Amino acid sequence: MTEPHDQHAEESRPPRSGLPKIVWVIPAAAVLIIAVILIRSTYGPLWQKDGSGGFQPRPAPEIVLLDQSKERHRTARYLGRRSLIVLFFDGQKRPEDVRQLAMLRDAYPQIRATNAEIVAVSGAPSETMAQWGGGSIPFPILADVDYAVHKQWGVSVPETGPFVPVMFLVDIRGVIRDSQEFDPPDSLLDLPQLLDQLARLQ
């Protein structure tokens, strides 16, 4: 008597299709969130310091842009040969009128003596820089018209207001070892400290 009843109950029971979807969705979402956090912490703005106030060394993205002579310039050419100073600025002023660039120009022989080179990255078009000519700046100034390289390096480009120049120090192996924001934009460069850092990068 009980067998037909039990068979009917078994047939009316919904088939087992595994765990409810929500059980799988929650762990998947958690993994995604953790991945985003890790990516942001690893590849976030390169100029940011870590939680202890120190700098987290990171590989420097390669820069391939036209210089003030409209020649293609690659920062990879310095790998294994020289350490590198990379200074980002907005290109609204002539290079000689950018305070940090002028100071780097004046200290260029001392900087080269530490086996370092300087590359400036500007938001001005290469045509504008060609009109400026070489001027008194003895190192490459690269045209990053759409600020793509600025953004790749995590340099903030405000829609309005002053642009804050950012300087990076890259060692001979192509690893970013330190950075500095110049806020306000006409802040002085600490040349003795910079030369000491460059000497220790070798």
N, C-alpha and C. Protein backbone atom coordinates (compact mmCIF):
# COMPACT_ATOMS: atom_id res chain seq x y z
N MET A 1 0.82 -1.20 0.00
CA MET A 1 0.00 0.00 0.00
C MET A 1 0.86 1.26 0.00
N THR A 2 1.93 1.20 0.69
CA THR A 2 2.75 2.43 0.79
C THR A 2 3.64 2.64 -0.40
N GLU A 3 3.89 1.54 -1.17
CA GLU A 3 4.85 1.66 -2.28
C GLU A 3 4.38 2.61 -3.37
N PRO A 4 3.09 2.52 -3.82
CA PRO A 4 2.65 3.48 -4.83
C PRO A 4 2.73 4.92 -4.34
N HIS A 5 2.37 5.14 -3.09
CA HIS A 5 2.41 6.50 -2.53
C HIS A 5 3.84 7.04 -2.54
N ASP A 6 4.76 6.20 -2.09
CA ASP A 6 6.16 6.64 -2.07
C ASP A 6 6.68 6.91 -3.47
N GLN A 7 6.25 6.06 -4.44
CA GLN A 7 6.71 6.26 -5.81
C GLN A 7 6.16 7.55 -6.38
N HIS A 8 4.90 7.87 -6.05
CA HIS A 8 4.29 9.11 -6.54
C HIS A 8 4.99 10.33 -5.93
N ALA A 9 5.32 10.25 -4.65
CA ALA A 9 5.99 11.37 -3.99
C ALA A 9 7.37 11.61 -4.59
N GLU A 10 8.03 10.46 -4.93
CA GLU A 10 9.37 10.58 -5.51
C GLU A 10 9.31 11.23 -6.89
N GLU A 11 8.25 10.86 -7.66
CA GLU A 11 8.11 11.41 -9.01
C GLU A 11 7.75 12.87 -8.99
N SER A 12 6.98 13.32 -7.96
CA SER A 12 6.56 14.72 -7.89
C SER A 12 7.63 15.63 -7.32
N ARG A 13 8.67 15.04 -6.73
CA ARG A 13 9.74 15.85 -6.14
C ARG A 13 10.56 16.45 -7.26
N PRO A 14 10.91 17.76 -7.22
CA PRO A 14 11.70 18.39 -8.30
C PRO A 14 13.07 17.75 -8.39
N PRO A 15 13.59 17.61 -9.60
CA PRO A 15 14.90 16.97 -9.78
C PRO A 15 16.00 17.78 -9.11
N ARG A 16 16.99 17.05 -8.63
CA ARG A 16 18.11 17.72 -7.99
C ARG A 16 19.09 18.21 -9.05
N SER A 17 19.30 19.48 -9.12
CA SER A 17 20.17 20.05 -10.15
C SER A 17 21.41 20.68 -9.53
N GLY A 18 21.81 20.22 -8.38
CA GLY A 18 22.99 20.80 -7.74
C GLY A 18 22.61 21.93 -6.81
N LEU A 19 23.63 22.68 -6.37
CA LEU A 19 23.39 23.77 -5.43
C LEU A 19 22.70 24.94 -6.12
N PRO A 20 21.93 25.71 -5.35
CA PRO A 20 21.28 26.90 -5.94
C PRO A 20 22.33 27.82 -6.56
N LYS A 21 21.90 28.56 -7.61
CA LYS A 21 22.84 29.44 -8.32
C LYS A 21 23.49 30.47 -7.40
N ILE A 22 22.75 30.95 -6.42
CA ILE A 22 23.27 31.99 -5.53
C ILE A 22 24.53 31.52 -4.80
N VAL A 23 24.60 30.19 -4.55
CA VAL A 23 25.76 29.65 -3.85
C VAL A 23 27.01 29.81 -4.69
N TRP A 24 26.85 29.73 -6.02
CA TRP A 24 28.00 29.89 -6.92
C TRP A 24 28.27 31.36 -7.22
N VAL A 25 27.24 32.18 -7.26
CA VAL A 25 27.40 33.60 -7.62
C VAL A 25 28.21 34.35 -6.56
N ILE A 26 27.93 34.08 -5.29
CA ILE A 26 28.60 34.82 -4.22
C ILE A 26 30.11 34.61 -4.24
N PRO A 27 30.61 33.35 -4.29
CA PRO A 27 32.06 33.18 -4.35
C PRO A 27 32.68 33.80 -5.61
N ALA A 28 31.96 33.70 -6.74
CA ALA A 28 32.49 34.27 -7.99
C ALA A 28 32.62 35.78 -7.88
N ALA A 29 31.63 36.41 -7.27
CA ALA A 29 31.69 37.87 -7.08
C ALA A 29 32.82 38.24 -6.14
N ALA A 30 33.01 37.45 -5.10
CA ALA A 30 34.08 37.73 -4.14
C ALA A 30 35.45 37.63 -4.81
N VAL A 31 35.62 36.61 -5.66
CA VAL A 31 36.89 36.45 -6.39
C VAL A 31 37.13 37.65 -7.30
N LEU A 32 36.08 38.10 -7.98
CA LEU A 32 36.20 39.24 -8.88
C LEU A 32 36.60 40.50 -8.12
N ILE A 33 35.98 40.72 -6.98
CA ILE A 33 36.29 41.91 -6.17
C ILE A 33 37.75 41.87 -5.71
N ILE A 34 38.18 40.69 -5.23
CA ILE A 34 39.57 40.56 -4.78
C ILE A 34 40.53 40.81 -5.93
N ALA A 35 40.21 40.30 -7.12
CA ALA A 35 41.08 40.51 -8.28
C ALA A 35 41.20 41.98 -8.63
N VAL A 36 40.08 42.69 -8.57
CA VAL A 36 40.10 44.13 -8.86
C VAL A 36 40.97 44.86 -7.86
N ILE A 37 40.83 44.50 -6.58
CA ILE A 37 41.64 45.15 -5.53
C ILE A 37 43.12 44.89 -5.77
N LEU A 38 43.46 43.65 -6.10
CA LEU A 38 44.87 43.31 -6.35
C LEU A 38 45.41 44.07 -7.55
N ILE A 39 44.61 44.15 -8.62
CA ILE A 39 45.06 44.86 -9.82
C ILE A 39 45.27 46.34 -9.51
N ARG A 40 44.34 46.94 -8.77
CA ARG A 40 44.46 48.36 -8.44
C ARG A 40 45.66 48.60 -7.55
N SER A 41 45.92 47.69 -6.60
CA SER A 41 47.04 47.89 -5.69
C SER A 41 48.37 47.66 -6.40
N THR A 42 48.36 46.81 -7.45
CA THR A 42 49.61 46.51 -8.14
C THR A 42 49.87 47.48 -9.29
N TYR A 43 48.82 47.89 -9.98
CA TYR A 43 49.00 48.70 -11.17
C TYR A 43 48.29 50.05 -11.05
N GLY A 44 48.10 50.53 -9.84
CA GLY A 44 47.48 51.82 -9.64
C GLY A 44 48.43 52.93 -10.03
N PRO A 45 48.08 54.19 -9.72
CA PRO A 45 48.95 55.31 -10.05
C PRO A 45 50.38 55.08 -9.57
N LEU A 46 51.33 55.17 -10.49
CA LEU A 46 52.71 54.81 -10.17
C LEU A 46 53.37 55.77 -9.19
N TRP A 47 52.85 57.00 -9.11
CA TRP A 47 53.52 57.97 -8.26
C TRP A 47 53.09 57.84 -6.80
N GLN A 48 52.07 57.05 -6.51
CA GLN A 48 51.57 56.98 -5.15
C GLN A 48 52.52 56.21 -4.24
N LYS A 49 52.65 56.68 -3.01
CA LYS A 49 53.44 55.99 -2.01
C LYS A 49 52.62 54.84 -1.42
N ASP A 50 53.31 53.93 -0.77
CA ASP A 50 52.58 52.85 -0.13
C ASP A 50 52.10 53.28 1.25
N GLY A 51 51.47 52.37 1.99
CA GLY A 51 50.87 52.74 3.27
C GLY A 51 51.85 53.21 4.31
N SER A 52 53.11 52.79 4.19
CA SER A 52 54.11 53.19 5.18
C SER A 52 54.79 54.50 4.83
N GLY A 53 54.38 55.11 3.72
CA GLY A 53 55.01 56.36 3.29
C GLY A 53 56.19 56.13 2.38
N GLY A 54 56.57 54.87 2.15
CA GLY A 54 57.65 54.56 1.24
C GLY A 54 57.11 54.38 -0.17
N PHE A 55 58.01 54.02 -1.09
CA PHE A 55 57.60 53.85 -2.48
C PHE A 55 57.70 52.40 -2.86
N GLN A 56 56.71 51.89 -3.54
CA GLN A 56 56.69 50.50 -4.00
C GLN A 56 57.31 50.44 -5.39
N PRO A 57 58.50 49.84 -5.54
CA PRO A 57 59.13 49.76 -6.86
C PRO A 57 58.25 49.01 -7.85
N ARG A 58 58.18 49.52 -9.07
CA ARG A 58 57.37 48.90 -10.10
C ARG A 58 58.06 49.04 -11.46
N PRO A 59 57.85 48.10 -12.37
CA PRO A 59 58.43 48.24 -13.71
C PRO A 59 57.89 49.49 -14.40
N ALA A 60 58.77 50.21 -15.05
CA ALA A 60 58.37 51.43 -15.75
C ALA A 60 57.81 51.08 -17.13
N PRO A 61 56.60 51.54 -17.45
CA PRO A 61 56.08 51.30 -18.80
C PRO A 61 56.99 51.97 -19.85
N GLU A 62 57.19 51.30 -20.96
CA GLU A 62 58.02 51.89 -22.01
C GLU A 62 57.29 53.09 -22.62
N ILE A 63 58.07 54.10 -23.00
CA ILE A 63 57.53 55.28 -23.66
C ILE A 63 58.08 55.32 -25.08
N VAL A 64 57.19 55.41 -26.06
CA VAL A 64 57.58 55.55 -27.46
C VAL A 64 56.80 56.73 -28.03
N LEU A 65 57.48 57.87 -28.21
CA LEU A 65 56.83 59.09 -28.67
C LEU A 65 57.79 59.88 -29.55
N LEU A 66 57.25 60.89 -30.26
CA LEU A 66 58.08 61.78 -31.05
C LEU A 66 58.70 62.85 -30.15
N ASP A 67 59.97 63.17 -30.42
CA ASP A 67 60.62 64.21 -29.62
C ASP A 67 60.50 65.57 -30.31
N GLN A 68 61.21 66.56 -29.78
CA GLN A 68 61.09 67.93 -30.32
C GLN A 68 61.65 68.05 -31.73
N SER A 69 62.38 67.04 -32.20
CA SER A 69 62.88 67.02 -33.58
C SER A 69 62.01 66.14 -34.47
N LYS A 70 60.86 65.71 -33.95
CA LYS A 70 59.92 64.83 -34.63
C LYS A 70 60.54 63.47 -34.94
N GLU A 71 61.49 63.05 -34.14
CA GLU A 71 62.08 61.73 -34.27
C GLU A 71 61.52 60.81 -33.19
N ARG A 72 61.30 59.54 -33.57
CA ARG A 72 60.74 58.59 -32.61
C ARG A 72 61.77 58.27 -31.53
N HIS A 73 61.33 58.36 -30.29
CA HIS A 73 62.23 58.15 -29.16
C HIS A 73 61.66 57.07 -28.26
N ARG A 74 62.50 56.12 -27.88
CA ARG A 74 62.07 55.01 -27.02
C ARG A 74 62.91 55.02 -25.75
N THR A 75 62.23 54.91 -24.61
CA THR A 75 62.97 54.87 -23.35
C THR A 75 63.68 53.53 -23.16
N ALA A 76 63.27 52.49 -23.91
CA ALA A 76 63.92 51.19 -23.77
C ALA A 76 65.39 51.25 -24.16
N ARG A 77 65.79 52.27 -24.90
CA ARG A 77 67.18 52.39 -25.33
C ARG A 77 68.12 52.59 -24.15
N TYR A 78 67.56 53.03 -23.01
CA TYR A 78 68.41 53.29 -21.84
C TYR A 78 68.55 52.07 -20.94
N LEU A 79 67.70 51.06 -21.15
CA LEU A 79 67.73 49.89 -20.27
C LEU A 79 69.11 49.24 -20.28
N GLY A 80 69.61 48.95 -19.09
CA GLY A 80 70.90 48.31 -18.95
C GLY A 80 72.08 49.25 -19.15
N ARG A 81 71.79 50.53 -19.46
CA ARG A 81 72.87 51.47 -19.73
C ARG A 81 72.88 52.65 -18.77
N ARG A 82 71.71 53.23 -18.56
CA ARG A 82 71.61 54.43 -17.72
C ARG A 82 70.35 54.37 -16.85
N SER A 83 70.41 55.02 -15.71
CA SER A 83 69.18 55.29 -14.97
C SER A 83 68.50 56.48 -15.65
N LEU A 84 67.28 56.75 -15.25
CA LEU A 84 66.46 57.70 -16.01
C LEU A 84 65.62 58.58 -15.10
N ILE A 85 65.60 59.86 -15.43
CA ILE A 85 64.64 60.79 -14.82
C ILE A 85 63.55 61.04 -15.86
N VAL A 86 62.30 60.80 -15.49
CA VAL A 86 61.18 61.08 -16.39
C VAL A 86 60.31 62.15 -15.73
N LEU A 87 60.19 63.29 -16.40
CA LEU A 87 59.39 64.39 -15.86
C LEU A 87 58.20 64.64 -16.77
N PHE A 88 57.00 64.55 -16.21
CA PHE A 88 55.77 64.82 -16.94
C PHE A 88 55.32 66.25 -16.66
N PHE A 89 55.00 66.99 -17.75
CA PHE A 89 54.45 68.34 -17.58
C PHE A 89 53.43 68.58 -18.68
N ASP A 90 52.61 69.64 -18.55
CA ASP A 90 51.45 69.77 -19.43
C ASP A 90 51.74 70.36 -20.80
N GLY A 91 52.88 71.01 -20.99
CA GLY A 91 53.19 71.58 -22.30
C GLY A 91 52.50 72.89 -22.60
N GLN A 92 51.93 73.52 -21.61
CA GLN A 92 51.30 74.82 -21.81
C GLN A 92 52.33 75.95 -21.85
N LYS A 93 53.50 75.69 -21.30
CA LYS A 93 54.57 76.69 -21.29
C LYS A 93 55.74 76.19 -22.13
N ARG A 94 56.57 77.11 -22.58
CA ARG A 94 57.81 76.70 -23.20
C ARG A 94 58.64 75.93 -22.17
N PRO A 95 59.37 74.93 -22.61
CA PRO A 95 60.13 74.11 -21.65
C PRO A 95 61.03 74.93 -20.74
N GLU A 96 61.65 75.99 -21.28
CA GLU A 96 62.53 76.81 -20.45
C GLU A 96 61.79 77.51 -19.32
N ASP A 97 60.46 77.64 -19.48
CA ASP A 97 59.67 78.34 -18.47
C ASP A 97 59.08 77.40 -17.42
N VAL A 98 59.32 76.10 -17.58
CA VAL A 98 58.90 75.12 -16.57
C VAL A 98 60.03 75.02 -15.55
N ARG A 99 59.73 75.37 -14.32
CA ARG A 99 60.79 75.52 -13.32
C ARG A 99 61.64 74.27 -13.15
N GLN A 100 61.00 73.13 -13.05
CA GLN A 100 61.76 71.89 -12.83
C GLN A 100 62.63 71.55 -14.05
N LEU A 101 62.11 71.81 -15.26
CA LEU A 101 62.90 71.55 -16.46
C LEU A 101 64.13 72.46 -16.51
N ALA A 102 63.94 73.72 -16.14
CA ALA A 102 65.06 74.66 -16.14
C ALA A 102 66.13 74.23 -15.14
N MET A 103 65.70 73.73 -13.98
CA MET A 103 66.66 73.29 -12.98
C MET A 103 67.39 72.02 -13.43
N LEU A 104 66.66 71.11 -14.08
CA LEU A 104 67.29 69.92 -14.61
C LEU A 104 68.28 70.28 -15.72
N ARG A 105 67.92 71.26 -16.54
CA ARG A 105 68.83 71.73 -17.59
C ARG A 105 70.13 72.25 -16.99
N ASP A 106 70.01 73.08 -15.97
CA ASP A 106 71.20 73.68 -15.35
C ASP A 106 72.07 72.62 -14.68
N ALA A 107 71.44 71.55 -14.19
CA ALA A 107 72.20 70.51 -13.49
C ALA A 107 72.53 69.32 -14.40
N TYR A 108 72.28 69.47 -15.70
CA TYR A 108 72.45 68.35 -16.63
C TYR A 108 73.85 67.73 -16.59
N PRO A 109 74.92 68.51 -16.59
CA PRO A 109 76.25 67.87 -16.51
C PRO A 109 76.43 67.03 -15.25
N GLN A 110 75.93 67.51 -14.12
CA GLN A 110 76.04 66.75 -12.87
C GLN A 110 75.19 65.48 -12.93
N ILE A 111 74.03 65.58 -13.55
CA ILE A 111 73.15 64.42 -13.66
C ILE A 111 73.78 63.37 -14.58
N ARG A 112 74.34 63.80 -15.69
CA ARG A 112 75.00 62.85 -16.58
C ARG A 112 76.20 62.19 -15.92
N ALA A 113 76.84 62.90 -15.01
CA ALA A 113 77.99 62.34 -14.29
C ALA A 113 77.59 61.18 -13.39
N THR A 114 76.31 61.08 -13.05
CA THR A 114 75.82 59.95 -12.25
C THR A 114 75.34 58.80 -13.14
N ASN A 115 75.63 58.88 -14.43
CA ASN A 115 75.21 57.87 -15.41
C ASN A 115 73.68 57.84 -15.55
N ALA A 116 73.09 59.01 -15.54
CA ALA A 116 71.64 59.13 -15.69
C ALA A 116 71.31 60.01 -16.90
N GLU A 117 70.13 59.80 -17.44
CA GLU A 117 69.61 60.62 -18.53
C GLU A 117 68.27 61.19 -18.11
N ILE A 118 67.83 62.22 -18.83
CA ILE A 118 66.56 62.87 -18.53
C ILE A 118 65.67 62.78 -19.76
N VAL A 119 64.40 62.47 -19.54
CA VAL A 119 63.39 62.51 -20.59
C VAL A 119 62.19 63.26 -20.04
N ALA A 120 61.76 64.29 -20.77
CA ALA A 120 60.56 65.03 -20.37
C ALA A 120 59.41 64.62 -21.28
N VAL A 121 58.21 64.53 -20.73
CA VAL A 121 57.02 64.15 -21.50
C VAL A 121 56.01 65.29 -21.40
N SER A 122 55.67 65.85 -22.56
CA SER A 122 54.83 67.04 -22.61
C SER A 122 53.49 66.73 -23.25
N GLY A 123 52.49 67.52 -22.90
CA GLY A 123 51.19 67.39 -23.54
C GLY A 123 51.09 68.20 -24.82
N ALA A 124 52.15 68.92 -25.17
CA ALA A 124 52.13 69.75 -26.38
C ALA A 124 52.36 68.88 -27.61
N PRO A 125 51.74 69.24 -28.75
CA PRO A 125 51.99 68.49 -30.00
C PRO A 125 53.44 68.65 -30.44
N SER A 126 53.93 67.66 -31.21
CA SER A 126 55.31 67.73 -31.69
C SER A 126 55.52 68.94 -32.59
N GLU A 127 54.46 69.38 -33.32
CA GLU A 127 54.59 70.57 -34.16
C GLU A 127 54.91 71.81 -33.32
N THR A 128 54.22 71.92 -32.18
CA THR A 128 54.46 73.06 -31.28
C THR A 128 55.88 73.01 -30.74
N MET A 129 56.31 71.83 -30.35
CA MET A 129 57.66 71.70 -29.81
C MET A 129 58.71 71.96 -30.88
N ALA A 130 58.39 71.58 -32.13
CA ALA A 130 59.32 71.85 -33.23
C ALA A 130 59.45 73.36 -33.45
N GLN A 131 58.34 74.09 -33.28
CA GLN A 131 58.38 75.54 -33.40
C GLN A 131 59.23 76.16 -32.29
N TRP A 132 59.14 75.56 -31.10
CA TRP A 132 59.98 76.04 -30.01
C TRP A 132 61.46 75.79 -30.31
N GLY A 133 61.70 74.71 -31.06
CA GLY A 133 63.07 74.33 -31.35
C GLY A 133 63.71 73.68 -30.13
N GLY A 134 64.97 73.34 -30.28
CA GLY A 134 65.69 72.71 -29.18
C GLY A 134 65.82 73.62 -27.98
N GLY A 135 65.88 74.93 -28.24
CA GLY A 135 66.03 75.87 -27.14
C GLY A 135 67.27 75.55 -26.33
N SER A 136 67.16 75.75 -25.04
CA SER A 136 68.30 75.49 -24.16
C SER A 136 68.19 74.15 -23.45
N ILE A 137 67.18 73.35 -23.80
CA ILE A 137 66.99 72.05 -23.15
C ILE A 137 67.81 71.00 -23.90
N PRO A 138 68.79 70.38 -23.24
CA PRO A 138 69.69 69.46 -23.94
C PRO A 138 69.22 68.00 -23.98
N PHE A 139 68.06 67.71 -23.42
CA PHE A 139 67.58 66.33 -23.37
C PHE A 139 66.24 66.22 -24.10
N PRO A 140 65.80 65.01 -24.43
CA PRO A 140 64.57 64.83 -25.23
C PRO A 140 63.32 65.32 -24.50
N ILE A 141 62.45 65.97 -25.27
CA ILE A 141 61.12 66.33 -24.80
C ILE A 141 60.13 65.64 -25.73
N LEU A 142 59.32 64.75 -25.19
CA LEU A 142 58.45 63.91 -25.99
C LEU A 142 57.02 64.43 -25.99
N ALA A 143 56.36 64.30 -27.14
CA ALA A 143 55.00 64.82 -27.31
C ALA A 143 53.97 63.73 -27.03
N ASP A 144 53.21 63.91 -25.96
CA ASP A 144 52.14 62.98 -25.58
C ASP A 144 50.83 63.73 -25.73
N VAL A 145 50.40 63.92 -26.98
CA VAL A 145 49.31 64.85 -27.29
C VAL A 145 48.01 64.50 -26.58
N ASP A 146 47.66 63.22 -26.56
CA ASP A 146 46.39 62.82 -25.94
C ASP A 146 46.56 62.40 -24.48
N TYR A 147 47.75 62.62 -23.93
CA TYR A 147 48.06 62.28 -22.53
C TYR A 147 47.95 60.78 -22.25
N ALA A 148 48.04 59.95 -23.29
CA ALA A 148 47.90 58.51 -23.07
C ALA A 148 49.03 57.97 -22.19
N VAL A 149 50.25 58.45 -22.43
CA VAL A 149 51.39 57.99 -21.63
C VAL A 149 51.30 58.55 -20.21
N HIS A 150 50.87 59.81 -20.09
CA HIS A 150 50.65 60.37 -18.76
C HIS A 150 49.74 59.43 -17.95
N LYS A 151 48.64 59.04 -18.56
CA LYS A 151 47.67 58.20 -17.86
C LYS A 151 48.22 56.80 -17.60
N GLN A 152 49.00 56.29 -18.55
CA GLN A 152 49.59 54.97 -18.36
C GLN A 152 50.51 54.95 -17.14
N TRP A 153 51.17 56.05 -16.91
CA TRP A 153 52.05 56.17 -15.75
C TRP A 153 51.30 56.64 -14.50
N GLY A 154 49.99 56.83 -14.62
CA GLY A 154 49.19 57.22 -13.47
C GLY A 154 49.26 58.69 -13.14
N VAL A 155 49.71 59.52 -14.10
CA VAL A 155 49.80 60.96 -13.85
C VAL A 155 48.45 61.60 -14.11
N SER A 156 47.92 62.28 -13.12
CA SER A 156 46.59 62.88 -13.22
C SER A 156 46.62 64.08 -14.15
N VAL A 157 45.65 64.13 -15.07
CA VAL A 157 45.53 65.26 -16.00
C VAL A 157 44.20 65.94 -15.74
N PRO A 158 44.18 67.02 -14.95
CA PRO A 158 42.90 67.67 -14.61
C PRO A 158 42.28 68.37 -15.82
N GLU A 159 40.95 68.36 -15.87
CA GLU A 159 40.26 69.07 -16.95
C GLU A 159 40.37 70.57 -16.78
N THR A 160 40.39 71.01 -15.54
CA THR A 160 40.56 72.43 -15.23
C THR A 160 41.57 72.57 -14.10
N GLY A 161 42.11 73.75 -13.95
CA GLY A 161 43.05 73.98 -12.86
C GLY A 161 44.47 73.66 -13.28
N PRO A 162 45.43 73.95 -12.40
CA PRO A 162 46.83 73.76 -12.74
C PRO A 162 47.22 72.28 -12.85
N PHE A 163 48.11 72.00 -13.77
CA PHE A 163 48.65 70.66 -13.93
C PHE A 163 49.85 70.52 -12.99
N VAL A 164 49.89 69.44 -12.24
CA VAL A 164 50.97 69.22 -11.29
C VAL A 164 52.04 68.35 -11.95
N PRO A 165 53.24 68.89 -12.20
CA PRO A 165 54.30 68.04 -12.78
C PRO A 165 54.65 66.89 -11.84
N VAL A 166 55.02 65.76 -12.43
CA VAL A 166 55.40 64.58 -11.67
C VAL A 166 56.72 64.05 -12.22
N MET A 167 57.65 63.74 -11.31
CA MET A 167 58.96 63.22 -11.72
C MET A 167 59.15 61.81 -11.18
N PHE A 168 59.69 60.93 -12.03
CA PHE A 168 59.99 59.54 -11.66
C PHE A 168 61.48 59.29 -11.78
N LEU A 169 61.99 58.45 -10.90
CA LEU A 169 63.36 57.98 -10.99
C LEU A 169 63.33 56.49 -11.34
N VAL A 170 63.95 56.14 -12.46
CA VAL A 170 63.94 54.77 -12.96
C VAL A 170 65.37 54.25 -12.95
N ASP A 171 65.58 53.08 -12.36
CA ASP A 171 66.94 52.56 -12.27
C ASP A 171 67.37 51.92 -13.59
N ILE A 172 68.59 51.45 -13.63
CA ILE A 172 69.19 50.96 -14.87
C ILE A 172 68.48 49.70 -15.39
N ARG A 173 67.73 49.03 -14.52
CA ARG A 173 66.98 47.83 -14.91
C ARG A 173 65.56 48.15 -15.36
N GLY A 174 65.21 49.44 -15.35
CA GLY A 174 63.88 49.83 -15.80
C GLY A 174 62.81 49.74 -14.73
N VAL A 175 63.22 49.85 -13.46
CA VAL A 175 62.27 49.79 -12.33
C VAL A 175 62.15 51.18 -11.72
N ILE A 176 60.91 51.63 -11.54
CA ILE A 176 60.67 52.92 -10.89
C ILE A 176 61.00 52.81 -9.41
N ARG A 177 61.91 53.65 -8.94
CA ARG A 177 62.38 53.58 -7.56
C ARG A 177 61.83 54.70 -6.69
N ASP A 178 61.42 55.79 -7.29
CA ASP A 178 60.86 56.88 -6.49
C ASP A 178 60.14 57.85 -7.42
N SER A 179 59.35 58.72 -6.83
CA SER A 179 58.62 59.72 -7.61
C SER A 179 58.35 60.94 -6.74
N GLN A 180 58.02 62.02 -7.40
CA GLN A 180 57.74 63.25 -6.67
C GLN A 180 56.74 64.09 -7.44
N GLU A 181 55.73 64.58 -6.75
CA GLU A 181 54.80 65.55 -7.31
C GLU A 181 55.27 66.95 -6.96
N PHE A 182 55.15 67.88 -7.90
CA PHE A 182 55.52 69.26 -7.63
C PHE A 182 54.25 70.09 -7.46
N ASP A 183 53.80 70.16 -6.24
CA ASP A 183 52.57 70.86 -5.91
C ASP A 183 52.86 71.87 -4.80
N PRO A 184 52.82 73.18 -5.11
CA PRO A 184 52.36 73.82 -6.35
C PRO A 184 53.29 73.57 -7.53
N PRO A 185 52.80 73.80 -8.76
CA PRO A 185 53.56 73.45 -9.96
C PRO A 185 54.93 74.11 -10.09
N ASP A 186 55.14 75.24 -9.43
CA ASP A 186 56.44 75.93 -9.53
C ASP A 186 57.36 75.59 -8.36
N SER A 187 57.10 74.47 -7.69
CA SER A 187 57.93 74.06 -6.56
C SER A 187 59.37 73.82 -7.01
N LEU A 188 60.30 74.08 -6.11
CA LEU A 188 61.71 73.89 -6.41
C LEU A 188 62.08 72.41 -6.40
N LEU A 189 63.06 72.07 -7.20
CA LEU A 189 63.63 70.73 -7.21
C LEU A 189 64.77 70.67 -6.21
N ASP A 190 64.77 69.64 -5.37
CA ASP A 190 65.85 69.47 -4.39
C ASP A 190 67.00 68.76 -5.09
N LEU A 191 67.89 69.55 -5.69
CA LEU A 191 68.96 68.99 -6.49
C LEU A 191 69.93 68.11 -5.70
N PRO A 192 70.44 68.51 -4.53
CA PRO A 192 71.35 67.62 -3.78
C PRO A 192 70.71 66.27 -3.47
N GLN A 193 69.46 66.27 -3.09
CA GLN A 193 68.78 65.01 -2.80
C GLN A 193 68.66 64.17 -4.07
N LEU A 194 68.32 64.82 -5.19
CA LEU A 194 68.18 64.10 -6.46
C LEU A 194 69.51 63.46 -6.87
N LEU A 195 70.60 64.19 -6.78
CA LEU A 195 71.90 63.65 -7.16
C LEU A 195 72.29 62.48 -6.26
N ASP A 196 71.95 62.59 -4.98
CA ASP A 196 72.25 61.50 -4.05
C ASP A 196 71.44 60.25 -4.42
N GLN A 197 70.17 60.44 -4.76
CA GLN A 197 69.34 59.30 -5.16
C GLN A 197 69.88 58.66 -6.43
N LEU A 198 70.27 59.48 -7.39
CA LEU A 198 70.78 58.94 -8.65
C LEU A 198 72.07 58.14 -8.42
N ALA A 199 72.91 58.63 -7.53
CA ALA A 199 74.17 57.93 -7.23
C ALA A 199 73.89 56.55 -6.64
N ARG A 200 72.79 56.45 -5.86
CA ARG A 200 72.46 55.18 -5.21
C ARG A 200 71.69 54.23 -6.13
N LEU A 201 71.24 54.74 -7.29
CA LEU A 201 70.51 53.89 -8.23
C LEU A 201 71.44 52.99 -9.04
N GLN A 202 72.73 53.33 -9.07
CA GLN A 202 73.67 52.59 -9.93
C GLN A 202 73.99 51.21 -9.34
